[in-house]
Amino acid sequence: MLDRLHVKGTFKVNGAPLKSGRISFLPTAGTSGPATGTVIENGPFELPLAQGPVQGKHRIEIVAVRLTGKKNVKVPAVKIRMPS
């Protein structure tokens, strides 16, 4: 049985809730367990205990799509710290 965590929060960009995206928790070296993730809709996201990340260190990836009228826009990486 995996020791998973219930994770929830709100993701904002420049102070405004992210309209649509995805958050992924990817275990890094020393953390055993599956990757997991969920959708972000108008800011909030939540992973219940049964689907949450395992305890340990993770790389967290946020993917968002925003229509700008331009072909490609790069969004800078963001570091997120989670309590261990």
Protein backbone atom coordinates (compact mmCIF):
# COMPACT_ATOMS: atom_id res chain seq x y z
CA MET A 1 0.00 0.00 0.00
CA LEU A 2 1.35 3.42 -0.99
CA ASP A 3 1.56 6.27 1.52
CA ARG A 4 -0.28 8.91 -0.54
CA LEU A 5 -1.13 12.53 0.29
CA HIS A 6 -4.30 14.56 -0.23
CA VAL A 7 -3.23 17.65 -2.19
CA LYS A 8 -5.29 20.71 -3.08
CA GLY A 9 -4.57 24.30 -3.91
CA THR A 10 -5.14 27.19 -6.26
CA PHE A 11 -2.79 28.03 -9.12
CA LYS A 12 -2.55 31.66 -10.17
CA VAL A 13 -0.64 33.43 -12.93
CA ASN A 14 0.10 37.11 -12.32
CA GLY A 15 -2.45 37.08 -9.48
CA ALA A 16 -5.30 35.67 -11.59
CA PRO A 17 -6.58 32.07 -11.34
CA LEU A 18 -5.33 29.82 -14.15
CA LYS A 19 -8.32 29.29 -16.44
CA SER A 20 -7.38 25.85 -17.74
CA GLY A 21 -4.42 23.56 -17.24
CA ARG A 22 -2.97 20.43 -15.70
CA ILE A 23 -0.70 19.81 -12.70
CA SER A 24 1.51 16.71 -12.55
CA PHE A 25 3.53 15.34 -9.64
CA LEU A 26 6.54 13.34 -10.89
CA PRO A 27 8.59 11.47 -8.25
CA THR A 28 12.30 12.32 -8.28
CA ALA A 29 15.26 10.12 -7.32
CA GLY A 30 14.74 8.59 -3.89
CA THR A 31 10.93 8.70 -4.08
CA SER A 32 9.23 5.47 -5.11
CA GLY A 33 5.73 5.61 -6.50
CA PRO A 34 3.69 6.49 -9.56
CA ALA A 35 3.35 9.92 -11.14
CA THR A 36 -0.05 11.51 -10.75
CA GLY A 37 -1.89 14.65 -11.77
CA THR A 38 -5.18 16.39 -12.29
CA VAL A 39 -6.81 19.26 -14.16
CA ILE A 40 -6.81 22.88 -13.05
CA GLU A 41 -10.06 24.72 -13.77
CA ASN A 42 -10.34 28.43 -12.93
CA GLY A 43 -7.50 28.10 -10.38
CA PRO A 44 -8.35 25.25 -7.98
CA PHE A 45 -7.06 21.70 -8.24
CA GLU A 46 -7.40 18.71 -5.94
CA LEU A 47 -6.06 15.18 -5.73
CA PRO A 48 -7.88 13.05 -3.14
CA LEU A 49 -5.89 10.70 -0.93
CA ALA A 50 -6.54 7.68 -3.18
CA GLN A 51 -5.03 9.44 -6.25
CA GLY A 52 -2.60 11.84 -4.54
CA PRO A 53 1.19 11.78 -4.82
CA VAL A 54 3.24 9.53 -2.56
CA GLN A 55 5.22 11.18 0.24
CA GLY A 56 8.64 12.38 -0.87
CA LYS A 57 10.23 14.74 -3.36
CA HIS A 58 8.57 15.45 -6.71
CA ARG A 59 9.07 17.55 -9.79
CA ILE A 60 5.84 19.46 -10.31
CA GLU A 61 4.83 20.37 -13.84
CA ILE A 62 2.11 22.84 -14.77
CA VAL A 63 0.81 22.85 -18.33
CA ALA A 64 -1.51 25.65 -19.40
CA VAL A 65 -2.94 26.83 -22.68
CA ARG A 66 -3.79 30.47 -23.18
CA LEU A 67 -4.96 31.86 -26.50
CA THR A 68 -2.87 34.93 -27.32
CA GLY A 69 -3.08 35.17 -31.08
CA LYS A 70 0.63 34.25 -31.27
CA LYS A 71 1.98 30.89 -32.38
CA ASN A 72 4.09 29.90 -29.35
CA VAL A 73 4.52 31.58 -26.00
CA LYS A 74 6.95 30.18 -23.44
CA VAL A 75 5.97 30.42 -19.79
CA PRO A 76 8.83 30.56 -17.28
CA ALA A 77 9.30 27.61 -14.92
CA VAL A 78 7.94 27.95 -11.41
CA LYS A 79 9.34 26.27 -8.30
CA ILE A 80 6.80 24.95 -5.81
CA ARG A 81 7.69 23.66 -2.35
CA MET A 82 5.54 21.08 -0.62
CA PRO A 83 5.91 20.16 3.04
CA SER A 84 7.54 16.76 3.50
